[in-house]
C-alpha atoms as a PDB file:
ATOM      1  CA  UNK A   1     -10.348 -17.593 -72.900  1.00  0.00           C
ATOM      2  CA  UNK A   2      -8.965 -18.616 -69.455  1.00  0.00           C
ATOM      3  CA  UNK A   3      -5.694 -18.707 -69.007  1.00  0.00           C
ATOM      4  CA  UNK A   4      -5.257 -22.144 -69.392  1.00  0.00           C
ATOM      5  CA  UNK A   5      -6.498 -21.761 -72.972  1.00  0.00           C
ATOM      6  CA  UNK A   6      -3.792 -19.109 -73.484  1.00  0.00           C
ATOM      7  CA  UNK A   7      -0.946 -21.901 -71.854  1.00  0.00           C
ATOM      8  CA  UNK A   8      -2.546 -24.786 -74.364  1.00  0.00           C
ATOM      9  CA  UNK A   9      -2.006 -21.805 -76.908  1.00  0.00           C
ATOM     10  CA  UNK A  10       1.550 -21.184 -75.678  1.00  0.00           C
ATOM     11  CA  UNK A  11       2.457 -24.706 -75.907  1.00  0.00           C
ATOM     12  CA  UNK A  12       1.205 -25.595 -79.319  1.00  0.00           C
ATOM     13  CA  UNK A  13       3.393 -22.468 -80.866  1.00  0.00           C
ATOM     14  CA  UNK A  14       6.423 -23.971 -78.571  1.00  0.00           C
ATOM     15  CA  UNK A  15       5.497 -27.593 -79.797  1.00  0.00           C
ATOM     16  CA  UNK A  16       5.634 -25.632 -83.306  1.00  0.00           C
ATOM     17  CA  UNK A  17       9.468 -24.511 -83.327  1.00  0.00           C
ATOM     18  CA  UNK A  18      10.987 -27.914 -82.249  1.00  0.00           C
ATOM     19  CA  UNK A  19       8.993 -29.811 -85.100  1.00  0.00           C
ATOM     20  CA  UNK A  20      10.049 -27.489 -87.734  1.00  0.00           C
ATOM     21  CA  UNK A  21      13.276 -27.526 -86.488  1.00  0.00           C
ATOM     22  CA  UNK A  22      13.040 -31.764 -86.513  1.00  0.00           C
ATOM     23  CA  UNK A  23      11.437 -32.159 -90.183  1.00  0.00           C
ATOM     24  CA  UNK A  24      13.799 -29.921 -91.938  1.00  0.00           C
ATOM     25  CA  UNK A  25      16.181 -32.568 -90.780  1.00  0.00           C
ATOM     26  CA  UNK A  26      17.614 -34.840 -93.215  1.00  0.00           C
ATOM     27  CA  UNK A  27      18.962 -36.778 -90.363  1.00  0.00           C
ATOM     28  CA  UNK A  28      16.898 -39.606 -88.750  1.00  0.00           C
ATOM     29  CA  UNK A  29      18.482 -39.197 -85.662  1.00  0.00           C
ATOM     30  CA  UNK A  30      18.184 -35.421 -85.835  1.00  0.00           C
ATOM     31  CA  UNK A  31      14.283 -35.849 -86.404  1.00  0.00           C
ATOM     32  CA  UNK A  32      13.520 -38.194 -83.544  1.00  0.00           C
ATOM     33  CA  UNK A  33      15.281 -35.682 -80.659  1.00  0.00           C
ATOM     34  CA  UNK A  34      13.618 -32.653 -81.771  1.00  0.00           C
ATOM     35  CA  UNK A  35       9.964 -35.209 -81.807  1.00  0.00           C
ATOM     36  CA  UNK A  36      10.879 -35.850 -78.250  1.00  0.00           C
ATOM     37  CA  UNK A  37      10.967 -32.171 -77.434  1.00  0.00           C
ATOM     38  CA  UNK A  38       7.866 -30.968 -79.317  1.00  0.00           C
ATOM     39  CA  UNK A  39       5.836 -33.954 -77.976  1.00  0.00           C
ATOM     40  CA  UNK A  40       6.772 -32.839 -74.348  1.00  0.00           C
ATOM     41  CA  UNK A  41       4.979 -29.248 -75.304  1.00  0.00           C
ATOM     42  CA  UNK A  42       2.012 -30.947 -77.592  1.00  0.00           C
ATOM     43  CA  UNK A  43       1.249 -33.148 -73.791  1.00  0.00           C
ATOM     44  CA  UNK A  44       0.731 -29.787 -71.983  1.00  0.00           C
ATOM     45  CA  UNK A  45      -0.920 -28.371 -74.782  1.00  0.00           C
ATOM     46  CA  UNK A  46      -3.925 -31.400 -74.464  1.00  0.00           C
ATOM     47  CA  UNK A  47      -3.688 -31.017 -70.940  1.00  0.00           C
ATOM     48  CA  UNK A  48      -4.435 -27.585 -71.179  1.00  0.00           C
ATOM     49  CA  UNK A  49      -7.317 -28.204 -73.718  1.00  0.00           C
ATOM     50  CA  UNK A  50      -8.668 -31.246 -71.265  1.00  0.00           C
ATOM     51  CA  UNK A  51      -8.338 -33.874 -74.544  1.00  0.00           C
ATOM     52  CA  UNK A  52      -7.288 -36.329 -72.199  1.00  0.00           C
ATOM     53  CA  UNK A  53      -6.791 -38.982 -74.943  1.00  0.00           C
ATOM     54  CA  UNK A  54      -4.594 -36.701 -76.738  1.00  0.00           C
ATOM     55  CA  UNK A  55      -2.768 -36.055 -73.800  1.00  0.00           C
ATOM     56  CA  UNK A  56      -2.021 -39.725 -73.044  1.00  0.00           C
ATOM     57  CA  UNK A  57      -1.219 -40.963 -76.688  1.00  0.00           C
ATOM     58  CA  UNK A  58       1.304 -38.282 -77.077  1.00  0.00           C
ATOM     59  CA  UNK A  59       3.111 -39.055 -73.438  1.00  0.00           C
ATOM     60  CA  UNK A  60       3.129 -42.526 -75.289  1.00  0.00           C
ATOM     61  CA  UNK A  61       4.564 -41.102 -78.599  1.00  0.00           C
ATOM     62  CA  UNK A  62       7.579 -39.812 -76.153  1.00  0.00           C
ATOM     63  CA  UNK A  63       8.211 -43.022 -75.164  1.00  0.00           C
ATOM     64  CA  UNK A  64       7.429 -44.564 -78.370  1.00  0.00           C
ATOM     65  CA  UNK A  65      10.338 -42.584 -79.822  1.00  0.00           C
ATOM     66  CA  UNK A  66      12.594 -43.306 -77.400  1.00  0.00           C
ATOM     67  CA  UNK A  67      11.911 -47.153 -78.086  1.00  0.00           C
ATOM     68  CA  UNK A  68      12.033 -47.105 -81.926  1.00  0.00           C
ATOM     69  CA  UNK A  69      15.099 -45.022 -82.100  1.00  0.00           C
ATOM     70  CA  UNK A  70      16.841 -47.457 -79.835  1.00  0.00           C
ATOM     71  CA  UNK A  71      15.318 -50.731 -81.416  1.00  0.00           C
ATOM     72  CA  UNK A  72      14.346 -49.974 -84.898  1.00  0.00           C
ATOM     73  CA  UNK A  73      12.325 -52.942 -85.989  1.00  0.00           C
ATOM     74  CA  UNK A  74      11.402 -54.576 -82.863  1.00  0.00           C
ATOM     75  CA  UNK A  75       8.193 -56.180 -83.930  1.00  0.00           C
ATOM     76  CA  UNK A  76       7.594 -56.665 -79.860  1.00  0.00           C
ATOM     77  CA  UNK A  77       7.491 -53.415 -78.597  1.00  0.00           C
ATOM     78  CA  UNK A  78       6.077 -51.784 -81.751  1.00  0.00           C
ATOM     79  CA  UNK A  79       2.825 -54.600 -80.202  1.00  0.00           C
ATOM     80  CA  UNK A  80       2.968 -53.313 -76.806  1.00  0.00           C
ATOM     81  CA  UNK A  81       3.144 -49.804 -77.928  1.00  0.00           C
ATOM     82  CA  UNK A  82       0.407 -50.355 -80.215  1.00  0.00           C
ATOM     83  CA  UNK A  83      -1.243 -52.369 -77.533  1.00  0.00           C
ATOM     84  CA  UNK A  84      -0.983 -49.579 -74.816  1.00  0.00           C
ATOM     85  CA  UNK A  85      -2.369 -46.832 -77.474  1.00  0.00           C
ATOM     86  CA  UNK A  86      -5.378 -48.563 -77.312  1.00  0.00           C
ATOM     87  CA  UNK A  87      -5.321 -49.288 -73.722  1.00  0.00           C
ATOM     88  CA  UNK A  88      -5.062 -44.983 -73.265  1.00  0.00           C
ATOM     89  CA  UNK A  89      -7.783 -44.698 -75.977  1.00  0.00           C
ATOM     90  CA  UNK A  90      -9.961 -46.973 -74.197  1.00  0.00           C
ATOM     91  CA  UNK A  91      -9.767 -45.174 -70.717  1.00  0.00           C
ATOM     92  CA  UNK A  92      -9.409 -41.601 -71.649  1.00  0.00           C
ATOM     93  CA  UNK A  93     -11.918 -41.781 -74.232  1.00  0.00           C
ATOM     94  CA  UNK A  94     -14.738 -38.683 -74.193  1.00  0.00           C
ATOM     95  CA  UNK A  95     -15.891 -38.647 -77.994  1.00  0.00           C
ATOM     96  CA  UNK A  96     -15.198 -39.502 -81.662  1.00  0.00           C
ATOM     97  CA  UNK A  97     -13.020 -36.660 -81.769  1.00  0.00           C
ATOM     98  CA  UNK A  98     -10.235 -39.128 -79.525  1.00  0.00           C
ATOM     99  CA  UNK A  99     -10.255 -41.189 -83.240  1.00  0.00           C
ATOM    100  CA  UNK A 100      -7.861 -38.775 -84.896  1.00  0.00           C
ATOM    101  CA  UNK A 101      -5.002 -39.086 -82.174  1.00  0.00           C
ATOM    102  CA  UNK A 102      -5.383 -43.015 -82.081  1.00  0.00           C
ATOM    103  CA  UNK A 103      -4.814 -42.926 -85.563  1.00  0.00           C
ATOM    104  CA  UNK A 104      -2.070 -41.030 -85.749  1.00  0.00           C
ATOM    105  CA  UNK A 105      -0.228 -42.603 -82.585  1.00  0.00           C
ATOM    106  CA  UNK A 106      -0.646 -46.036 -84.766  1.00  0.00           C
ATOM    107  CA  UNK A 107       0.853 -44.331 -87.844  1.00  0.00           C
ATOM    108  CA  UNK A 108       3.504 -42.872 -85.954  1.00  0.00           C
ATOM    109  CA  UNK A 109       4.423 -46.380 -84.296  1.00  0.00           C
ATOM    110  CA  UNK A 110       4.045 -48.409 -87.238  1.00  0.00           C
ATOM    111  CA  UNK A 111       6.020 -46.036 -89.031  1.00  0.00           C
ATOM    112  CA  UNK A 112       8.846 -45.190 -86.324  1.00  0.00           C
ATOM    113  CA  UNK A 113       9.368 -49.118 -86.226  1.00  0.00           C
ATOM    114  CA  UNK A 114       9.169 -50.204 -89.491  1.00  0.00           C
ATOM    115  CA  UNK A 115      10.159 -47.377 -91.797  1.00  0.00           C
ATOM    116  CA  UNK A 116      13.047 -44.996 -92.320  1.00  0.00           C
ATOM    117  CA  UNK A 117      13.841 -42.059 -94.710  1.00  0.00           C
ATOM    118  CA  UNK A 118      10.864 -40.919 -97.082  1.00  0.00           C
ATOM    119  CA  UNK A 119       8.794 -43.504 -96.188  1.00  0.00           C
ATOM    120  CA  UNK A 120       8.981 -42.919 -92.228  1.00  0.00           C
ATOM    121  CA  UNK A 121       7.939 -39.389 -93.344  1.00  0.00           C
ATOM    122  CA  UNK A 122       5.056 -40.170 -95.453  1.00  0.00           C
ATOM    123  CA  UNK A 123       3.808 -41.636 -92.439  1.00  0.00           C
ATOM    124  CA  UNK A 124       4.430 -39.166 -90.140  1.00  0.00           C
ATOM    125  CA  UNK A 125       2.984 -36.856 -92.427  1.00  0.00           C
ATOM    126  CA  UNK A 126      -0.501 -38.770 -92.307  1.00  0.00           C
ATOM    127  CA  UNK A 127      -0.090 -39.134 -88.719  1.00  0.00           C
ATOM    128  CA  UNK A 128       0.008 -35.078 -88.940  1.00  0.00           C
ATOM    129  CA  UNK A 129      -2.888 -34.801 -90.729  1.00  0.00           C
ATOM    130  CA  UNK A 130      -4.538 -36.618 -88.113  1.00  0.00           C
ATOM    131  CA  UNK A 131      -3.163 -34.173 -85.269  1.00  0.00           C
ATOM    132  CA  UNK A 132      -4.124 -31.136 -87.573  1.00  0.00           C
ATOM    133  CA  UNK A 133      -7.943 -32.353 -87.403  1.00  0.00           C
ATOM    134  CA  UNK A 134      -7.570 -32.786 -83.611  1.00  0.00           C
ATOM    135  CA  UNK A 135      -6.175 -29.549 -83.031  1.00  0.00           C
ATOM    136  CA  UNK A 136      -8.636 -27.966 -85.340  1.00  0.00           C
ATOM    137  CA  UNK A 137     -11.486 -29.744 -83.055  1.00  0.00           C
ATOM    138  CA  UNK A 138     -10.396 -29.054 -79.852  1.00  0.00           C
ATOM    139  CA  UNK A 139      -9.765 -25.434 -80.838  1.00  0.00           C
ATOM    140  CA  UNK A 140      -5.608 -25.375 -80.613  1.00  0.00           C
ATOM    141  CA  UNK A 141      -4.708 -22.355 -82.947  1.00  0.00           C
ATOM    142  CA  UNK A 142      -1.005 -23.382 -81.907  1.00  0.00           C
ATOM    143  CA  UNK A 143      -0.981 -26.970 -82.710  1.00  0.00           C
ATOM    144  CA  UNK A 144      -3.106 -26.413 -85.500  1.00  0.00           C
ATOM    145  CA  UNK A 145      -0.308 -24.023 -87.101  1.00  0.00           C
ATOM    146  CA  UNK A 146       2.202 -26.469 -86.051  1.00  0.00           C
ATOM    147  CA  UNK A 147       0.764 -29.247 -87.565  1.00  0.00           C
ATOM    148  CA  UNK A 148       0.058 -27.874 -90.686  1.00  0.00           C
ATOM    149  CA  UNK A 149       3.568 -26.205 -91.069  1.00  0.00           C
ATOM    150  CA  UNK A 150       5.078 -29.800 -89.943  1.00  0.00           C
ATOM    151  CA  UNK A 151       2.939 -31.316 -93.224  1.00  0.00           C
ATOM    152  CA  UNK A 152       4.636 -28.263 -95.469  1.00  0.00           C
ATOM    153  CA  UNK A 153       8.084 -28.466 -93.641  1.00  0.00           C
ATOM    154  CA  UNK A 154       7.694 -32.359 -94.044  1.00  0.00           C
ATOM    155  CA  UNK A 155       6.677 -32.431 -97.533  1.00  0.00           C
ATOM    156  CA  UNK A 156       9.963 -30.072 -98.831  1.00  0.00           C
ATOM    157  CA  UNK A 157      12.290 -32.298 -97.049  1.00  0.00           C
ATOM    158  CA  UNK A 158      10.562 -35.537 -98.632  1.00  0.00           C
ATOM    159  CA  UNK A 159      11.778 -33.806-102.189  1.00  0.00           C
ATOM    160  CA  UNK A 160      14.897 -32.820-100.607  1.00  0.00           C
ATOM    161  CA  UNK A 161      15.546 -36.342 -99.972  1.00  0.00           C
ATOM    162  CA  UNK A 162      14.378 -37.332-103.448  1.00  0.00           C
ATOM    163  CA  UNK A 163      16.882 -34.828-105.290  1.00  0.00           C
ATOM    164  CA  UNK A 164      19.549 -36.187-103.067  1.00  0.00           C
ATOM    165  CA  UNK A 165      18.400 -39.782-103.949  1.00  0.00           C
ATOM    166  CA  UNK A 166      18.210 -38.883-107.497  1.00  0.00           C
ATOM    167  CA  UNK A 167      21.733 -36.864-107.739  1.00  0.00           C
ATOM    168  CA  UNK A 168      23.464 -40.204-106.158  1.00  0.00           C
ATOM    169  CA  UNK A 169      21.785 -42.013-108.731  1.00  0.00           C
ATOM    170  CA  UNK A 170      23.151 -40.238-111.219  1.00  0.00           C
ATOM    171  CA  UNK A 171      26.575 -39.657-110.164  1.00  0.00           C
ATOM    172  CA  UNK A 172      29.502 -42.065-111.526  1.00  0.00           C
ATOM    173  CA  UNK A 173      31.100 -44.009-108.947  1.00  0.00           C
ATOM    174  CA  UNK A 174      34.744 -44.229-109.039  1.00  0.00           C
ATOM    175  CA  UNK A 175      36.471 -47.902-108.825  1.00  0.00           C
ATOM    176  CA  UNK A 176      39.244 -48.111-107.081  1.00  0.00           C
END
């Protein structure tokens, strides 16, 4: 265990803090802003672990978050980012483990451009599961903990949003 390994672990823990704050938010905009910060830390983590496909795709995730926030529903941009994900994976491919970040990046791209609210969080939960498996396989404790806790936090937020929807549906509306 050298300094690079430790730096990767610390970067994963920093990403954890940003992710938990983001997924605990009921506001999509705040979620996306905090995810940019988390993904900068994740990219550094993957560089430290020499997981080049994950690092490249994480940099594209940052771009995707910013574009999806500004241009929601833009299928042309979504298609370009999906193609960029594929190209980045081809150029950096090392082994079968790299399929996991590619799946995560693809799910995230589809979710962020096409979905909002609970469906967005469900798809991001599946992406987090792919990232969790990737982190476990490359040996990142910080990243694994981050993705596992993201999944739990995301599930609680989905539950809160469902409760909010239910409360709003049962509240009588005043007529004025």
